[in-house]
Amino acid sequence: MEAADLKLLVTIEDRVIAEDVQGLLEEYEIYTVLDSDNPAFSVIGIYSGLNPIESIDIKVSVSDFQRAIEILAESPYKELIM
């Protein structure tokens, strides 16, 4: 997938939730890209046990975007898209 083929689905400030959303979408064969504004925060969290705040963009392919919205609308994460 190239960057031009991706569309921003949602931005989240919690890596755990971002990874949960990623897992949910992948169950429906919608593959995602998590793009952090500060990737070093993820490493800090692994080694320190802290959950530092970072802004994570969840991106999907343009062709999967509408389906991803529909899946999230029927999930526990529906408030992310409202």
PDB file of N, CA and C in Angstrom:
ATOM      1  N   MET A   1       0.845  -1.186   0.000  1.00  0.00           N
ATOM      2  CA  MET A   1       0.000   0.000   0.000  1.00  0.00           C
ATOM      3  C   MET A   1       0.882   1.238   0.000  1.00  0.00           C
ATOM      4  N   GLU A   2       0.565   2.170  -0.839  1.00  0.00           N
ATOM      5  CA  GLU A   2       1.286   3.432  -0.879  1.00  0.00           C
ATOM      6  C   GLU A   2       0.503   4.473  -0.096  1.00  0.00           C
ATOM      7  N   ALA A   3       1.199   5.508   0.349  1.00  0.00           N
ATOM      8  CA  ALA A   3       0.559   6.558   1.142  1.00  0.00           C
ATOM      9  C   ALA A   3      -0.622   7.182   0.416  1.00  0.00           C
ATOM     10  N   ALA A   4      -0.558   7.291  -0.889  1.00  0.00           N
ATOM     11  CA  ALA A   4      -1.652   7.894  -1.654  1.00  0.00           C
ATOM     12  C   ALA A   4      -2.898   7.021  -1.646  1.00  0.00           C
ATOM     13  N   ASP A   5      -2.726   5.731  -1.361  1.00  0.00           N
ATOM     14  CA  ASP A   5      -3.854   4.798  -1.316  1.00  0.00           C
ATOM     15  C   ASP A   5      -4.518   4.759   0.051  1.00  0.00           C
ATOM     16  N   LEU A   6      -3.969   5.491   1.020  1.00  0.00           N
ATOM     17  CA  LEU A   6      -4.472   5.444   2.393  1.00  0.00           C
ATOM     18  C   LEU A   6      -5.334   6.655   2.709  1.00  0.00           C
ATOM     19  N   LYS A   7      -6.297   6.426   3.600  1.00  0.00           N
ATOM     20  CA  LYS A   7      -7.170   7.510   4.049  1.00  0.00           C
ATOM     21  C   LYS A   7      -7.257   7.435   5.569  1.00  0.00           C
ATOM     22  N   LEU A   8      -7.213   8.584   6.211  1.00  0.00           N
ATOM     23  CA  LEU A   8      -7.304   8.654   7.665  1.00  0.00           C
ATOM     24  C   LEU A   8      -8.692   8.235   8.116  1.00  0.00           C
ATOM     25  N   LEU A   9      -8.742   7.225   8.959  1.00  0.00           N
ATOM     26  CA  LEU A   9     -10.006   6.743   9.504  1.00  0.00           C
ATOM     27  C   LEU A   9     -10.324   7.468  10.803  1.00  0.00           C
ATOM     28  N   VAL A  10      -9.368   7.496  11.712  1.00  0.00           N
ATOM     29  CA  VAL A  10      -9.580   8.120  13.019  1.00  0.00           C
ATOM     30  C   VAL A  10      -8.222   8.377  13.668  1.00  0.00           C
ATOM     31  N   THR A  11      -8.182   9.360  14.557  1.00  0.00           N
ATOM     32  CA  THR A  11      -6.987   9.643  15.350  1.00  0.00           C
ATOM     33  C   THR A  11      -7.317   9.359  16.811  1.00  0.00           C
ATOM     34  N   ILE A  12      -6.436   8.612  17.463  1.00  0.00           N
ATOM     35  CA  ILE A  12      -6.651   8.178  18.850  1.00  0.00           C
ATOM     36  C   ILE A  12      -5.408   8.522  19.656  1.00  0.00           C
ATOM     37  N   GLU A  13      -5.595   8.816  20.931  1.00  0.00           N
ATOM     38  CA  GLU A  13      -4.458   9.135  21.796  1.00  0.00           C
ATOM     39  C   GLU A  13      -4.096   7.990  22.734  1.00  0.00           C
ATOM     40  N   ASP A  14      -4.581   6.795  22.467  1.00  0.00           N
ATOM     41  CA  ASP A  14      -4.309   5.642  23.316  1.00  0.00           C
ATOM     42  C   ASP A  14      -3.894   4.471  22.423  1.00  0.00           C
ATOM     43  N   ARG A  15      -2.648   4.046  22.551  1.00  0.00           N
ATOM     44  CA  ARG A  15      -2.124   2.977  21.699  1.00  0.00           C
ATOM     45  C   ARG A  15      -2.899   1.674  21.890  1.00  0.00           C
ATOM     46  N   VAL A  16      -3.310   1.360  23.101  1.00  0.00           N
ATOM     47  CA  VAL A  16      -4.040   0.115  23.353  1.00  0.00           C
ATOM     48  C   VAL A  16      -5.349   0.104  22.565  1.00  0.00           C
ATOM     49  N   ILE A  17      -6.079   1.200  22.598  1.00  0.00           N
ATOM     50  CA  ILE A  17      -7.337   1.287  21.848  1.00  0.00           C
ATOM     51  C   ILE A  17      -7.049   1.245  20.351  1.00  0.00           C
ATOM     52  N   ALA A  18      -6.014   1.931  19.911  1.00  0.00           N
ATOM     53  CA  ALA A  18      -5.654   1.924  18.486  1.00  0.00           C
ATOM     54  C   ALA A  18      -5.357   0.499  18.019  1.00  0.00           C
ATOM     55  N   GLU A  19      -4.641  -0.258  18.831  1.00  0.00           N
ATOM     56  CA  GLU A  19      -4.332  -1.638  18.466  1.00  0.00           C
ATOM     57  C   GLU A  19      -5.579  -2.516  18.521  1.00  0.00           C
ATOM     58  N   ASP A  20      -6.505  -2.235  19.435  1.00  0.00           N
ATOM     59  CA  ASP A  20      -7.776  -2.972  19.471  1.00  0.00           C
ATOM     60  C   ASP A  20      -8.592  -2.712  18.207  1.00  0.00           C
ATOM     61  N   VAL A  21      -8.667  -1.450  17.792  1.00  0.00           N
ATOM     62  CA  VAL A  21      -9.383  -1.097  16.566  1.00  0.00           C
ATOM     63  C   VAL A  21      -8.707  -1.770  15.377  1.00  0.00           C
ATOM     64  N   GLN A  22      -7.392  -1.756  15.355  1.00  0.00           N
ATOM     65  CA  GLN A  22      -6.651  -2.403  14.281  1.00  0.00           C
ATOM     66  C   GLN A  22      -7.002  -3.896  14.222  1.00  0.00           C
ATOM     67  N   GLY A  23      -7.017  -4.559  15.364  1.00  0.00           N
ATOM     68  CA  GLY A  23      -7.356  -5.980  15.417  1.00  0.00           C
ATOM     69  C   GLY A  23      -8.775  -6.252  14.951  1.00  0.00           C
ATOM     70  N   LEU A  24      -9.712  -5.397  15.376  1.00  0.00           N
ATOM     71  CA  LEU A  24     -11.109  -5.552  14.968  1.00  0.00           C
ATOM     72  C   LEU A  24     -11.233  -5.465  13.445  1.00  0.00           C
ATOM     73  N   LEU A  25     -10.623  -4.465  12.857  1.00  0.00           N
ATOM     74  CA  LEU A  25     -10.724  -4.289  11.408  1.00  0.00           C
ATOM     75  C   LEU A  25     -10.033  -5.422  10.655  1.00  0.00           C
ATOM     76  N   GLU A  26      -8.936  -5.914  11.194  1.00  0.00           N
ATOM     77  CA  GLU A  26      -8.231  -6.999  10.529  1.00  0.00           C
ATOM     78  C   GLU A  26      -9.031  -8.300  10.564  1.00  0.00           C
ATOM     79  N   GLU A  27      -9.919  -8.455  11.542  1.00  0.00           N
ATOM     80  CA  GLU A  27     -10.824  -9.609  11.555  1.00  0.00           C
ATOM     81  C   GLU A  27     -11.714  -9.606  10.317  1.00  0.00           C
ATOM     82  N   TYR A  28     -11.981  -8.434   9.768  1.00  0.00           N
ATOM     83  CA  TYR A  28     -12.798  -8.280   8.564  1.00  0.00           C
ATOM     84  C   TYR A  28     -11.924  -8.090   7.318  1.00  0.00           C
ATOM     85  N   GLU A  29     -10.663  -8.430   7.456  1.00  0.00           N
ATOM     86  CA  GLU A  29      -9.685  -8.332   6.368  1.00  0.00           C
ATOM     87  C   GLU A  29      -9.511  -6.907   5.850  1.00  0.00           C
ATOM     88  N   ILE A  30      -9.634  -5.958   6.758  1.00  0.00           N
ATOM     89  CA  ILE A  30      -9.309  -4.567   6.455  1.00  0.00           C
ATOM     90  C   ILE A  30      -7.999  -4.272   7.174  1.00  0.00           C
ATOM     91  N   TYR A  31      -6.967  -4.095   6.398  1.00  0.00           N
ATOM     92  CA  TYR A  31      -5.652  -3.891   6.975  1.00  0.00           C
ATOM     93  C   TYR A  31      -5.402  -2.412   7.213  1.00  0.00           C
ATOM     94  N   THR A  32      -4.766  -2.133   8.322  1.00  0.00           N
ATOM     95  CA  THR A  32      -4.592  -0.759   8.769  1.00  0.00           C
ATOM     96  C   THR A  32      -3.119  -0.419   8.919  1.00  0.00           C
ATOM     97  N   VAL A  33      -2.870   0.879   8.945  1.00  0.00           N
ATOM     98  CA  VAL A  33      -1.548   1.412   9.248  1.00  0.00           C
ATOM     99  C   VAL A  33      -1.720   2.325  10.451  1.00  0.00           C
ATOM    100  N   LEU A  34      -0.930   2.076  11.496  1.00  0.00           N
ATOM    101  CA  LEU A  34      -0.917   2.959  12.664  1.00  0.00           C
ATOM    102  C   LEU A  34       0.267   3.900  12.490  1.00  0.00           C
ATOM    103  N   ASP A  35      -0.025   5.181  12.542  1.00  0.00           N
ATOM    104  CA  ASP A  35       1.001   6.202  12.309  1.00  0.00           C
ATOM    105  C   ASP A  35       1.038   7.127  13.522  1.00  0.00           C
ATOM    106  N   SER A  36       2.101   7.017  14.319  1.00  0.00           N
ATOM    107  CA  SER A  36       2.240   7.797  15.541  1.00  0.00           C
ATOM    108  C   SER A  36       2.934   9.127  15.276  1.00  0.00           C
ATOM    109  N   ASP A  37       2.508  10.154  16.008  1.00  0.00           N
ATOM    110  CA  ASP A  37       3.191  11.437  15.887  1.00  0.00           C
ATOM    111  C   ASP A  37       4.546  11.412  16.591  1.00  0.00           C
ATOM    112  N   ASN A  38       4.767  10.423  17.452  1.00  0.00           N
ATOM    113  CA  ASN A  38       6.050  10.279  18.129  1.00  0.00           C
ATOM    114  C   ASN A  38       6.296   8.799  18.414  1.00  0.00           C
ATOM    115  N   PRO A  39       6.866   8.065  17.466  1.00  0.00           N
ATOM    116  CA  PRO A  39       7.073   6.631  17.634  1.00  0.00           C
ATOM    117  C   PRO A  39       7.909   6.258  18.854  1.00  0.00           C
ATOM    118  N   ALA A  40       8.738   7.158  19.335  1.00  0.00           N
ATOM    119  CA  ALA A  40       9.553   6.864  20.517  1.00  0.00           C
ATOM    120  C   ALA A  40       8.681   6.624  21.742  1.00  0.00           C
ATOM    121  N   PHE A  41       7.497   7.228  21.789  1.00  0.00           N
ATOM    122  CA  PHE A  41       6.601   7.014  22.922  1.00  0.00           C
ATOM    123  C   PHE A  41       6.216   5.551  23.057  1.00  0.00           C
ATOM    124  N   SER A  42       6.061   4.856  21.954  1.00  0.00           N
ATOM    125  CA  SER A  42       5.702   3.444  21.991  1.00  0.00           C
ATOM    126  C   SER A  42       6.803   2.629  22.654  1.00  0.00           C
ATOM    127  N   VAL A  43       8.036   2.941  22.340  1.00  0.00           N
ATOM    128  CA  VAL A  43       9.169   2.239  22.937  1.00  0.00           C
ATOM    129  C   VAL A  43       9.260   2.565  24.418  1.00  0.00           C
ATOM    130  N   ILE A  44       9.049   3.817  24.779  1.00  0.00           N
ATOM    131  CA  ILE A  44       9.082   4.211  26.192  1.00  0.00           C
ATOM    132  C   ILE A  44       8.048   3.421  26.974  1.00  0.00           C
ATOM    133  N   GLY A  45       6.865   3.254  26.411  1.00  0.00           N
ATOM    134  CA  GLY A  45       5.800   2.504  27.077  1.00  0.00           C
ATOM    135  C   GLY A  45       6.168   1.052  27.304  1.00  0.00           C
ATOM    136  N   ILE A  46       6.855   0.458  26.357  1.00  0.00           N
ATOM    137  CA  ILE A  46       7.258  -0.940  26.482  1.00  0.00           C
ATOM    138  C   ILE A  46       8.231  -1.114  27.634  1.00  0.00           C
ATOM    139  N   TYR A  47       9.202  -0.236  27.739  1.00  0.00           N
ATOM    140  CA  TYR A  47      10.257  -0.399  28.739  1.00  0.00           C
ATOM    141  C   TYR A  47       9.901   0.180  30.104  1.00  0.00           C
ATOM    142  N   SER A  48       9.030   1.157  30.158  1.00  0.00           N
ATOM    143  CA  SER A  48       8.735   1.777  31.443  1.00  0.00           C
ATOM    144  C   SER A  48       7.428   1.298  32.049  1.00  0.00           C
ATOM    145  N   GLY A  49       6.567   0.703  31.234  1.00  0.00           N
ATOM    146  CA  GLY A  49       5.265   0.278  31.726  1.00  0.00           C
ATOM    147  C   GLY A  49       4.253   1.408  31.739  1.00  0.00           C
ATOM    148  N   LEU A  50       4.686   2.606  31.404  1.00  0.00           N
ATOM    149  CA  LEU A  50       3.784   3.748  31.343  1.00  0.00           C
ATOM    150  C   LEU A  50       3.064   3.748  30.009  1.00  0.00           C
ATOM    151  N   ASN A  51       1.946   4.432  29.970  1.00  0.00           N
ATOM    152  CA  ASN A  51       1.214   4.574  28.719  1.00  0.00           C
ATOM    153  C   ASN A  51       1.239   6.048  28.328  1.00  0.00           C
ATOM    154  N   PRO A  52       2.357   6.507  27.730  1.00  0.00           N
ATOM    155  CA  PRO A  52       2.473   7.922  27.403  1.00  0.00           C
ATOM    156  C   PRO A  52       1.455   8.330  26.349  1.00  0.00           C
ATOM    157  N   ILE A  53       1.087   9.592  26.374  1.00  0.00           N
ATOM    158  CA  ILE A  53       0.111  10.101  25.414  1.00  0.00           C
ATOM    159  C   ILE A  53       0.808  10.354  24.082  1.00  0.00           C
ATOM    160  N   GLU A  54       0.210   9.845  23.041  1.00  0.00           N
ATOM    161  CA  GLU A  54       0.681  10.099  21.688  1.00  0.00           C
ATOM    162  C   GLU A  54      -0.546  10.165  20.795  1.00  0.00           C
ATOM    163  N   SER A  55      -0.402  10.767  19.679  1.00  0.00           N
ATOM    164  CA  SER A  55      -1.491  10.873  18.719  1.00  0.00           C
ATOM    165  C   SER A  55      -1.244   9.834  17.633  1.00  0.00           C
ATOM    166  N   ILE A  56      -2.167   8.878  17.500  1.00  0.00           N
ATOM    167  CA  ILE A  56      -2.006   7.780  16.558  1.00  0.00           C
ATOM    168  C   ILE A  56      -3.097   7.873  15.499  1.00  0.00           C
ATOM    169  N   ASP A  57      -2.685   7.988  14.256  1.00  0.00           N
ATOM    170  CA  ASP A  57      -3.624   7.975  13.142  1.00  0.00           C
ATOM    171  C   ASP A  57      -3.816   6.533  12.695  1.00  0.00           C
ATOM    172  N   ILE A  58      -5.064   6.135  12.547  1.00  0.00           N
ATOM    173  CA  ILE A  58      -5.374   4.827  11.980  1.00  0.00           C
ATOM    174  C   ILE A  58      -5.796   5.082  10.544  1.00  0.00           C
ATOM    175  N   LYS A  59      -5.048   4.494   9.621  1.00  0.00           N
ATOM    176  CA  LYS A  59      -5.311   4.702   8.204  1.00  0.00           C
ATOM    177  C   LYS A  59      -5.686   3.375   7.555  1.00  0.00           C
ATOM    178  N   VAL A  60      -6.600   3.457   6.607  1.00  0.00           N
ATOM    179  CA  VAL A  60      -7.019   2.288   5.832  1.00  0.00           C
ATOM    180  C   VAL A  60      -6.951   2.651   4.356  1.00  0.00           C
ATOM    181  N   SER A  61      -7.033   1.640   3.517  1.00  0.00           N
ATOM    182  CA  SER A  61      -7.030   1.931   2.084  1.00  0.00           C
ATOM    183  C   SER A  61      -8.315   2.666   1.725  1.00  0.00           C
ATOM    184  N   VAL A  62      -8.235   3.485   0.709  1.00  0.00           N
ATOM    185  CA  VAL A  62      -9.383   4.265   0.258  1.00  0.00           C
ATOM    186  C   VAL A  62     -10.552   3.337  -0.067  1.00  0.00           C
ATOM    187  N   SER A  63     -10.259   2.195  -0.667  1.00  0.00           N
ATOM    188  CA  SER A  63     -11.324   1.265  -1.062  1.00  0.00           C
ATOM    189  C   SER A  63     -11.999   0.600   0.134  1.00  0.00           C
ATOM    190  N   ASP A  64     -11.332   0.529   1.291  1.00  0.00           N
ATOM    191  CA  ASP A  64     -11.909  -0.089   2.495  1.00  0.00           C
ATOM    192  C   ASP A  64     -12.500   0.924   3.465  1.00  0.00           C
ATOM    193  N   PHE A  65     -12.365   2.201   3.167  1.00  0.00           N
ATOM    194  CA  PHE A  65     -12.741   3.239   4.120  1.00  0.00           C
ATOM    195  C   PHE A  65     -14.213   3.142   4.557  1.00  0.00           C
ATOM    196  N   GLN A  66     -15.139   3.086   3.625  1.00  0.00           N
ATOM    197  CA  GLN A  66     -16.561   3.070   3.978  1.00  0.00           C
ATOM    198  C   GLN A  66     -16.922   1.826   4.788  1.00  0.00           C
ATOM    199  N   ARG A  67     -16.372   0.700   4.399  1.00  0.00           N
ATOM    200  CA  ARG A  67     -16.630  -0.546   5.146  1.00  0.00           C
ATOM    201  C   ARG A  67     -16.075  -0.444   6.568  1.00  0.00           C
ATOM    202  N   ALA A  68     -14.908   0.155   6.721  1.00  0.00           N
ATOM    203  CA  ALA A  68     -14.315   0.330   8.052  1.00  0.00           C
ATOM    204  C   ALA A  68     -15.201   1.213   8.928  1.00  0.00           C
ATOM    205  N   ILE A  69     -15.759   2.269   8.347  1.00  0.00           N
ATOM    206  CA  ILE A  69     -16.678   3.141   9.096  1.00  0.00           C
ATOM    207  C   ILE A  69     -17.888   2.344   9.554  1.00  0.00           C
ATOM    208  N   GLU A  70     -18.448   1.527   8.676  1.00  0.00           N
ATOM    209  CA  GLU A  70     -19.617   0.714   9.014  1.00  0.00           C
ATOM    210  C   GLU A  70     -19.309  -0.284  10.123  1.00  0.00           C
ATOM    211  N   ILE A  71     -18.147  -0.897  10.074  1.00  0.00           N
ATOM    212  CA  ILE A  71     -17.748  -1.850  11.117  1.00  0.00           C
ATOM    213  C   ILE A  71     -17.591  -1.141  12.446  1.00  0.00           C
ATOM    214  N   LEU A  72     -16.937  -0.001  12.455  1.00  0.00           N
ATOM    215  CA  LEU A  72     -16.772   0.745  13.708  1.00  0.00           C
ATOM    216  C   LEU A  72     -18.107   1.232  14.251  1.00  0.00           C
ATOM    217  N   ALA A  73     -19.023   1.596  13.374  1.00  0.00           N
ATOM    218  CA  ALA A  73     -20.341   2.083  13.808  1.00  0.00           C
ATOM    219  C   ALA A  73     -21.125   1.007  14.543  1.00  0.00           C
ATOM    220  N   GLU A  74     -20.825  -0.255  14.286  1.00  0.00           N
ATOM    221  CA  GLU A  74     -21.514  -1.373  14.939  1.00  0.00           C
ATOM    222  C   GLU A  74     -20.680  -1.998  16.049  1.00  0.00           C
ATOM    223  N   SER A  75     -19.629  -1.330  16.461  1.00  0.00           N
ATOM    224  CA  SER A  75     -18.707  -1.880  17.454  1.00  0.00           C
ATOM    225  C   SER A  75     -18.727  -1.044  18.730  1.00  0.00           C
ATOM    226  N   PRO A  76     -18.026  -1.520  19.749  1.00  0.00           N
ATOM    227  CA  PRO A  76     -17.893  -0.720  20.976  1.00  0.00           C
ATOM    228  C   PRO A  76     -17.132   0.582  20.768  1.00  0.00           C
ATOM    229  N   TYR A  77     -16.521   0.754  19.605  1.00  0.00           N
ATOM    230  CA  TYR A  77     -15.717   1.944  19.318  1.00  0.00           C
ATOM    231  C   TYR A  77     -16.472   2.961  18.477  1.00  0.00           C
ATOM    232  N   LYS A  78     -17.787   2.856  18.408  1.00  0.00           N
ATOM    233  CA  LYS A  78     -18.566   3.747  17.547  1.00  0.00           C
ATOM    234  C   LYS A  78     -18.396   5.224  17.911  1.00  0.00           C
ATOM    235  N   GLU A  79     -18.110   5.525  19.178  1.00  0.00           N
ATOM    236  CA  GLU A  79     -17.938   6.928  19.567  1.00  0.00           C
ATOM    237  C   GLU A  79     -16.718   7.563  18.921  1.00  0.00           C
ATOM    238  N   LEU A  80     -15.799   6.762  18.414  1.00  0.00           N
ATOM    239  CA  LEU A  80     -14.607   7.297  17.761  1.00  0.00           C
ATOM    240  C   LEU A  80     -14.929   7.952  16.423  1.00  0.00           C
ATOM    241  N   ILE A  81     -16.004   7.534  15.790  1.00  0.00           N
ATOM    242  CA  ILE A  81     -16.335   8.062  14.469  1.00  0.00           C
ATOM    243  C   ILE A  81     -17.520   9.024  14.509  1.00  0.00           C
ATOM    244  N   MET A  82     -18.083   9.254  15.655  1.00  0.00           N
ATOM    245  CA  MET A  82     -19.254  10.136  15.761  1.00  0.00           C
ATOM    246  C   MET A  82     -18.824  11.551  16.048  1.00  0.00           C
TER     247      MET A  82
END
